[in-house]
Amino acid sequence: MLSAILKSDTAVEMCKFILNNAQIFQRFETVELKQTVTEQQINQILNVIELNQAKARHLFRWTNLRFIVPELLTFPHSHTLP
């Protein structure tokens, strides 16, 4: 019974299709692999950018605060509230 299925016209056509298009399937695999590697590299780049943006925001806030309210940096505070 199995041999009858394997020798059927459909099975023969499927086998021919796979053999004739083996190169295309191999190229699809290669493209998928490259896409996965590229996606990982892009994610690494985006993570570094995000980390650097967070550091830059922190530094920017601290720098602005220092220039806007320089008396906050003098110690000890001798200010009295009005």
C-alpha atoms as a PDB file:
ATOM      1  CA  MET A   1       0.000   0.000   0.000  1.00  0.00           C
ATOM      2  CA  LEU A   2       2.795   2.441   0.892  1.00  0.00           C
ATOM      3  CA  SER A   3       4.620   1.645  -2.313  1.00  0.00           C
ATOM      4  CA  ALA A   4       1.460   2.421  -4.272  1.00  0.00           C
ATOM      5  CA  ILE A   5       1.253   5.842  -2.604  1.00  0.00           C
ATOM      6  CA  LEU A   6       4.931   6.549  -3.222  1.00  0.00           C
ATOM      7  CA  LYS A   7       4.563   5.603  -6.881  1.00  0.00           C
ATOM      8  CA  SER A   8       1.438   7.670  -7.411  1.00  0.00           C
ATOM      9  CA  ASP A   9       1.492  10.530  -9.892  1.00  0.00           C
ATOM     10  CA  THR A  10       1.127  13.075  -7.083  1.00  0.00           C
ATOM     11  CA  ALA A  11       4.104  11.676  -5.179  1.00  0.00           C
ATOM     12  CA  VAL A  12       6.224  11.577  -8.330  1.00  0.00           C
ATOM     13  CA  GLU A  13       5.304  15.178  -9.147  1.00  0.00           C
ATOM     14  CA  MET A  14       6.086  16.291  -5.601  1.00  0.00           C
ATOM     15  CA  CYS A  15       9.463  14.564  -5.777  1.00  0.00           C
ATOM     16  CA  LYS A  16      10.267  16.245  -9.103  1.00  0.00           C
ATOM     17  CA  PHE A  17       9.172  19.616  -7.679  1.00  0.00           C
ATOM     18  CA  ILE A  18      11.424  19.255  -4.645  1.00  0.00           C
ATOM     19  CA  LEU A  19      14.409  18.135  -6.726  1.00  0.00           C
ATOM     20  CA  ASN A  20      13.923  20.880  -9.304  1.00  0.00           C
ATOM     21  CA  ASN A  21      13.602  23.571  -6.637  1.00  0.00           C
ATOM     22  CA  ALA A  22      16.201  22.373  -4.124  1.00  0.00           C
ATOM     23  CA  GLN A  23      18.416  25.365  -4.859  1.00  0.00           C
ATOM     24  CA  ILE A  24      15.569  27.771  -4.200  1.00  0.00           C
ATOM     25  CA  PHE A  25      14.798  26.075  -0.888  1.00  0.00           C
ATOM     26  CA  GLN A  26      18.481  26.289   0.064  1.00  0.00           C
ATOM     27  CA  ARG A  27      18.523  29.991  -0.805  1.00  0.00           C
ATOM     28  CA  PHE A  28      15.412  30.550   1.330  1.00  0.00           C
ATOM     29  CA  GLU A  29      17.198  28.917   4.257  1.00  0.00           C
ATOM     30  CA  THR A  30      20.252  31.124   3.696  1.00  0.00           C
ATOM     31  CA  VAL A  31      18.123  34.274   3.559  1.00  0.00           C
ATOM     32  CA  GLU A  32      16.270  33.266   6.735  1.00  0.00           C
ATOM     33  CA  LEU A  33      19.564  32.686   8.532  1.00  0.00           C
ATOM     34  CA  LYS A  34      20.953  36.041   7.403  1.00  0.00           C
ATOM     35  CA  GLN A  35      17.719  37.734   8.448  1.00  0.00           C
ATOM     36  CA  THR A  36      17.962  36.202  11.922  1.00  0.00           C
ATOM     37  CA  VAL A  37      21.576  37.341  12.321  1.00  0.00           C
ATOM     38  CA  THR A  38      20.739  40.825  11.041  1.00  0.00           C
ATOM     39  CA  GLU A  39      17.774  41.073  13.399  1.00  0.00           C
ATOM     40  CA  GLN A  40      19.999  40.160  16.346  1.00  0.00           C
ATOM     41  CA  GLN A  41      22.557  42.782  15.311  1.00  0.00           C
ATOM     42  CA  ILE A  42      19.869  45.449  14.945  1.00  0.00           C
ATOM     43  CA  ASN A  43      18.499  44.585  18.394  1.00  0.00           C
ATOM     44  CA  GLN A  44      21.987  44.947  19.872  1.00  0.00           C
ATOM     45  CA  ILE A  45      22.402  48.343  18.212  1.00  0.00           C
ATOM     46  CA  LEU A  46      19.001  49.514  19.425  1.00  0.00           C
ATOM     47  CA  ASN A  47      19.801  48.369  22.972  1.00  0.00           C
ATOM     48  CA  VAL A  48      23.056  50.364  22.952  1.00  0.00           C
ATOM     49  CA  ILE A  49      21.262  53.431  21.577  1.00  0.00           C
ATOM     50  CA  GLU A  50      18.563  53.127  24.233  1.00  0.00           C
ATOM     51  CA  LEU A  51      21.143  52.782  26.997  1.00  0.00           C
ATOM     52  CA  ASN A  52      23.097  55.782  25.714  1.00  0.00           C
ATOM     53  CA  GLN A  53      19.923  57.865  25.447  1.00  0.00           C
ATOM     54  CA  ALA A  54      19.078  57.099  29.063  1.00  0.00           C
ATOM     55  CA  LYS A  55      22.589  58.120  30.130  1.00  0.00           C
ATOM     56  CA  ALA A  56      22.392  61.272  28.013  1.00  0.00           C
ATOM     57  CA  ARG A  57      19.011  62.228  29.504  1.00  0.00           C
ATOM     58  CA  HIS A  58      20.373  61.771  33.024  1.00  0.00           C
ATOM     59  CA  LEU A  59      23.471  63.811  32.240  1.00  0.00           C
ATOM     60  CA  PHE A  60      21.419  66.510  30.496  1.00  0.00           C
ATOM     61  CA  ARG A  61      19.069  66.843  33.478  1.00  0.00           C
ATOM     62  CA  TRP A  62      21.966  67.048  35.931  1.00  0.00           C
ATOM     63  CA  THR A  63      23.822  69.601  33.769  1.00  0.00           C
ATOM     64  CA  ASN A  64      20.748  71.774  33.351  1.00  0.00           C
ATOM     65  CA  LEU A  65      19.990  71.634  37.043  1.00  0.00           C
ATOM     66  CA  ARG A  66      23.548  72.662  37.846  1.00  0.00           C
ATOM     67  CA  PHE A  67      23.344  75.709  35.576  1.00  0.00           C
ATOM     68  CA  ILE A  68      19.802  76.684  36.491  1.00  0.00           C
ATOM     69  CA  VAL A  69      20.198  76.370  40.258  1.00  0.00           C
ATOM     70  CA  PRO A  70      23.947  76.628  40.996  1.00  0.00           C
ATOM     71  CA  GLU A  71      23.328  77.245  44.687  1.00  0.00           C
ATOM     72  CA  LEU A  72      22.194  73.629  44.991  1.00  0.00           C
ATOM     73  CA  LEU A  73      25.815  72.633  44.540  1.00  0.00           C
ATOM     74  CA  THR A  74      27.195  74.740  47.394  1.00  0.00           C
ATOM     75  CA  PHE A  75      27.609  72.932  50.686  1.00  0.00           C
ATOM     76  CA  PRO A  76      26.600  73.355  53.408  1.00  0.00           C
ATOM     77  CA  HIS A  77      23.341  75.034  52.549  1.00  0.00           C
ATOM     78  CA  SER A  78      23.061  78.268  54.430  1.00  0.00           C
ATOM     79  CA  HIS A  79      19.819  79.340  52.795  1.00  0.00           C
ATOM     80  CA  THR A  80      16.896  80.258  54.916  1.00  0.00           C
ATOM     81  CA  LEU A  81      13.400  79.975  53.675  1.00  0.00           C
ATOM     82  CA  PRO A  82      11.477  83.245  53.370  1.00  0.00           C
END
